Amino acid sequence: MLGEYLGAGASTTKLLLHLNGNSTDSSGNNNVGTNYDMSFTNGDGIFNGSSSRINYTKSSNNYLINNWTMIAIWKKTSTTKKHSAIYQMGNCGLTTTYAHYYNPTSKDQDIVDNLEPMDIKYYHTSVWTKSSSSPGGKLFVDNRLAGTNTNTDDSANSYINVNVGRFDAPGNYWGQGYISEFILENRVWNVSEVIKYTTYSKGRFGIL
């Protein structure tokens, strides 16, 4: 579809889902997911809030340890679902409200987005960057820096779960609504890249 991310090559873009009627990985890494109670329409994956998810076998292409960027275009269908899950990588995960980073040598690290409840009218773009060097983690929502943390520990994950639309460690969260695109890259996007992608994604949906 017009405006979709093309990826930066299989060595950099590890998982790329356009969700155009299926959960095909367009990164070139052939991540094959299993759909549970999923439906698709108009370039969206639809999650029912209770059992929908796309599950992946853990691999170096979908379960990153050091530096990463997670990007999602999403729209909620309920403002009462506070933490609508987007992606789970072990017990590190991204939801519509926050990014959670598991650090086995100290306490868990959260980046909280304080805009809840998000509206159910528009698509939103979340970008989470995690760096193994300073400044650590940043969460951007619609080109706004929603929060940061300073954790740079490379040892991230201890659970094998890899899911889109599900986040079960810690907590018990399901995705409710639409995910139009999901990207996982093994590098940290800079602010200019975040702004460019987010602005382009808004134009894609005609809401600039």
Protein backbone atom coordinates (compact mmCIF):
# COMPACT_ATOMS: atom_id res chain seq x y z
CA MET A 1 0.00 0.00 0.00
CA LEU A 2 1.01 3.63 -0.54
CA GLY A 3 3.29 4.91 2.20
CA GLU A 4 4.40 1.55 3.58
CA TYR A 5 7.92 1.25 4.96
CA LEU A 6 10.19 -0.55 2.48
CA GLY A 7 12.78 -1.67 5.00
CA ALA A 8 16.54 -1.16 5.12
CA GLY A 9 17.59 -4.70 4.19
CA ALA A 10 17.38 -8.01 6.00
CA SER A 11 20.50 -7.37 8.08
CA THR A 12 18.93 -4.24 9.61
CA THR A 13 15.15 -4.61 9.33
CA LYS A 14 14.48 -7.81 11.24
CA LEU A 15 10.68 -7.93 11.09
CA LEU A 16 8.39 -5.93 8.82
CA LEU A 17 4.64 -6.47 8.85
CA HIS A 18 2.33 -4.57 6.52
CA LEU A 19 -0.63 -6.75 7.55
CA ASN A 20 -2.27 -6.56 4.14
CA GLY A 21 -4.60 -9.49 4.63
CA ASN A 22 -1.92 -11.66 6.24
CA SER A 23 1.02 -11.67 8.64
CA THR A 24 3.70 -12.09 5.96
CA ASP A 25 7.13 -10.78 6.97
CA SER A 26 8.44 -8.35 4.32
CA SER A 27 11.88 -7.88 5.92
CA GLY A 28 13.56 -10.62 3.89
CA ASN A 29 14.19 -12.71 7.02
CA ASN A 30 11.22 -15.05 6.51
CA ASN A 31 9.79 -14.79 10.01
CA VAL A 32 6.72 -17.03 9.79
CA GLY A 33 4.07 -16.23 12.37
CA THR A 34 1.05 -18.21 13.54
CA ASN A 35 -2.21 -16.25 13.67
CA TYR A 36 -4.61 -16.82 16.55
CA ASP A 37 -8.15 -15.36 16.23
CA MET A 38 -6.89 -12.71 13.82
CA SER A 39 -8.77 -10.88 11.13
CA PHE A 40 -7.50 -8.48 8.49
CA THR A 41 -9.04 -5.64 6.51
CA ASN A 42 -7.80 -2.64 4.52
CA GLY A 43 -4.17 -3.14 5.46
CA ASP A 44 -4.83 -3.66 9.17
CA GLY A 45 -4.42 -6.55 11.54
CA ILE A 46 -7.45 -6.58 13.85
CA PHE A 47 -7.05 -7.68 17.47
CA ASN A 48 -10.07 -8.52 19.64
CA GLY A 49 -8.60 -7.66 23.03
CA SER A 50 -8.85 -11.15 24.50
CA SER A 51 -7.30 -13.85 22.29
CA SER A 52 -5.91 -12.36 19.06
CA ARG A 53 -2.17 -12.47 18.50
CA ILE A 54 0.55 -13.37 16.01
CA ASN A 55 3.09 -15.71 17.58
CA TYR A 56 6.64 -16.22 16.34
CA THR A 57 9.32 -18.76 17.11
CA LYS A 58 12.16 -16.99 18.90
CA SER A 59 15.07 -16.11 16.61
CA SER A 60 17.76 -13.47 16.20
CA ASN A 61 15.45 -11.81 13.67
CA ASN A 62 12.62 -11.06 16.09
CA TYR A 63 14.21 -11.13 19.54
CA LEU A 64 16.90 -8.46 19.81
CA ILE A 65 19.20 -7.98 22.79
CA ASN A 66 21.26 -4.80 22.43
CA ASN A 67 20.11 -1.90 20.27
CA TRP A 68 16.71 -1.78 18.67
CA THR A 69 13.87 0.34 17.36
CA MET A 70 10.24 -0.82 17.43
CA ILE A 71 7.72 1.10 15.35
CA ALA A 72 3.96 0.63 15.13
CA ILE A 73 1.05 2.41 13.49
CA TRP A 74 -2.05 1.60 15.51
CA LYS A 75 -5.60 2.64 16.37
CA LYS A 76 -7.51 1.58 19.46
CA THR A 77 -11.17 0.61 19.45
CA SER A 78 -11.73 1.18 23.18
CA THR A 79 -10.47 3.87 25.56
CA THR A 80 -11.10 1.57 28.51
CA LYS A 81 -8.37 -0.83 27.39
CA LYS A 82 -5.50 1.05 29.01
CA HIS A 83 -2.57 -1.13 27.92
CA SER A 84 -3.36 -2.36 24.42
CA ALA A 85 -0.47 -4.68 23.51
CA ILE A 86 1.59 -4.11 20.37
CA TYR A 87 4.71 -6.30 20.60
CA GLN A 88 6.33 -8.67 23.06
CA MET A 89 9.98 -9.71 22.86
CA GLY A 90 10.57 -11.91 25.89
CA ASN A 91 9.43 -9.77 28.80
CA CYS A 92 10.31 -6.57 26.98
CA GLY A 93 7.23 -5.15 25.36
CA LEU A 94 5.56 -2.20 23.69
CA THR A 95 1.94 -1.23 24.34
CA THR A 96 -0.14 1.81 23.42
CA THR A 97 0.66 3.22 26.88
CA TYR A 98 4.26 2.36 27.62
CA ALA A 99 7.46 0.52 26.81
CA HIS A 100 8.72 -2.04 29.33
CA TYR A 101 12.36 -3.13 29.35
CA TYR A 102 13.46 -6.09 31.47
CA ASN A 103 16.88 -5.77 33.05
CA PRO A 104 17.92 -8.93 34.93
CA THR A 105 20.64 -7.16 36.93
CA SER A 106 18.38 -4.49 38.41
CA LYS A 107 14.72 -3.49 38.50
CA ASP A 108 12.47 -3.51 35.44
CA GLN A 109 12.49 -0.29 33.43
CA ASP A 110 9.29 1.39 32.24
CA ILE A 111 8.82 4.36 29.92
CA VAL A 112 5.30 5.60 30.57
CA ASP A 113 3.20 7.52 28.08
CA ASN A 114 0.90 9.87 29.96
CA LEU A 115 -1.63 10.52 27.18
CA GLU A 116 -4.12 7.82 28.19
CA PRO A 117 -6.88 7.37 27.38
CA MET A 118 -5.92 7.68 23.73
CA ASP A 119 -8.68 8.53 21.28
CA ILE A 120 -10.26 5.86 19.10
CA LYS A 121 -10.75 8.13 16.09
CA TYR A 122 -7.22 8.44 14.72
CA TYR A 123 -4.22 6.28 13.93
CA HIS A 124 -1.17 6.89 16.11
CA THR A 125 2.51 6.10 15.66
CA SER A 126 4.70 4.77 18.48
CA VAL A 127 8.49 4.53 18.15
CA TRP A 128 10.57 2.95 20.92
CA THR A 129 14.35 3.13 20.71
CA LYS A 130 16.63 1.20 23.08
CA SER A 131 20.37 1.92 23.06
CA SER A 132 23.18 0.01 24.78
CA SER A 133 24.90 3.37 25.28
CA SER A 134 23.66 6.65 26.69
CA PRO A 135 20.90 7.89 26.66
CA GLY A 136 19.25 4.45 26.89
CA GLY A 137 15.56 4.23 25.97
CA LYS A 138 13.16 6.72 24.38
CA LEU A 139 9.48 6.39 23.56
CA PHE A 140 7.97 8.69 20.94
CA VAL A 141 4.21 8.89 20.35
CA ASP A 142 3.10 10.95 17.35
CA ASN A 143 6.42 12.82 17.23
CA ARG A 144 6.20 13.67 20.92
CA LEU A 145 8.90 12.39 23.27
CA ALA A 146 6.63 10.59 25.72
CA GLY A 147 9.35 9.43 28.09
CA THR A 148 12.88 8.16 28.59
CA ASN A 149 14.94 5.90 30.80
CA THR A 150 18.68 5.65 31.22
CA ASN A 151 19.09 1.87 31.24
CA THR A 152 21.76 0.70 28.78
CA ASP A 153 22.16 -2.92 29.97
CA ASP A 154 22.64 -5.28 27.03
CA SER A 155 21.08 -8.27 28.84
CA ALA A 156 17.43 -7.78 27.99
CA ASN A 157 15.28 -10.88 27.81
CA SER A 158 14.70 -14.05 29.80
CA TYR A 159 11.43 -15.34 28.29
CA ILE A 160 10.95 -16.90 24.88
CA ASN A 161 7.58 -15.33 24.00
CA VAL A 162 7.50 -13.34 20.76
CA ASN A 163 4.09 -11.92 19.92
CA VAL A 164 2.32 -9.16 18.07
CA GLY A 165 -0.84 -8.10 19.92
CA ARG A 166 0.06 -9.87 23.17
CA PHE A 167 2.22 -8.96 26.18
CA ASP A 168 2.13 -11.38 29.12
CA ALA A 169 5.30 -10.76 31.11
CA PRO A 170 4.87 -8.80 33.28
CA GLY A 171 1.14 -8.20 33.27
CA ASN A 172 -1.53 -9.74 31.09
CA TYR A 173 -2.30 -7.50 28.14
CA TRP A 174 -3.94 -8.10 24.77
CA GLY A 175 -4.14 -5.84 21.76
CA GLN A 176 -7.56 -4.32 21.08
CA GLY A 177 -7.93 -2.47 17.83
CA TYR A 178 -5.88 -2.15 14.67
CA ILE A 179 -2.19 -2.41 13.88
CA SER A 180 -1.45 -1.16 10.39
CA GLU A 181 2.31 -1.62 10.34
CA PHE A 182 4.95 -3.03 12.67
CA ILE A 183 8.71 -2.72 12.24
CA LEU A 184 11.59 -4.14 14.27
CA GLU A 185 15.13 -2.95 13.48
CA ASN A 186 18.44 -3.82 15.12
CA ARG A 187 19.61 -0.22 15.23
CA VAL A 188 18.59 2.95 17.03
CA TRP A 189 16.69 5.46 14.93
CA ASN A 190 17.71 9.09 15.39
CA VAL A 191 15.17 11.84 16.03
CA SER A 192 15.16 12.95 12.39
CA GLU A 193 14.21 9.43 11.27
CA VAL A 194 11.44 9.26 13.87
CA ILE A 195 10.00 12.59 12.74
CA LYS A 196 10.21 11.69 9.06
CA TYR A 197 8.52 8.30 9.48
CA THR A 198 5.80 9.60 11.81
CA THR A 199 4.98 12.55 9.58
CA TYR A 200 4.85 10.29 6.53
CA SER A 201 2.59 7.81 8.32
CA LYS A 202 0.18 10.59 9.24
CA GLY A 203 0.03 11.73 5.62
CA ARG A 204 -0.68 8.14 4.63
CA PHE A 205 -3.92 8.29 6.63
CA GLY A 206 -4.77 11.86 5.62
CA ILE A 207 -4.58 13.29 9.14
CA LEU A 208 -1.74 15.82 8.88
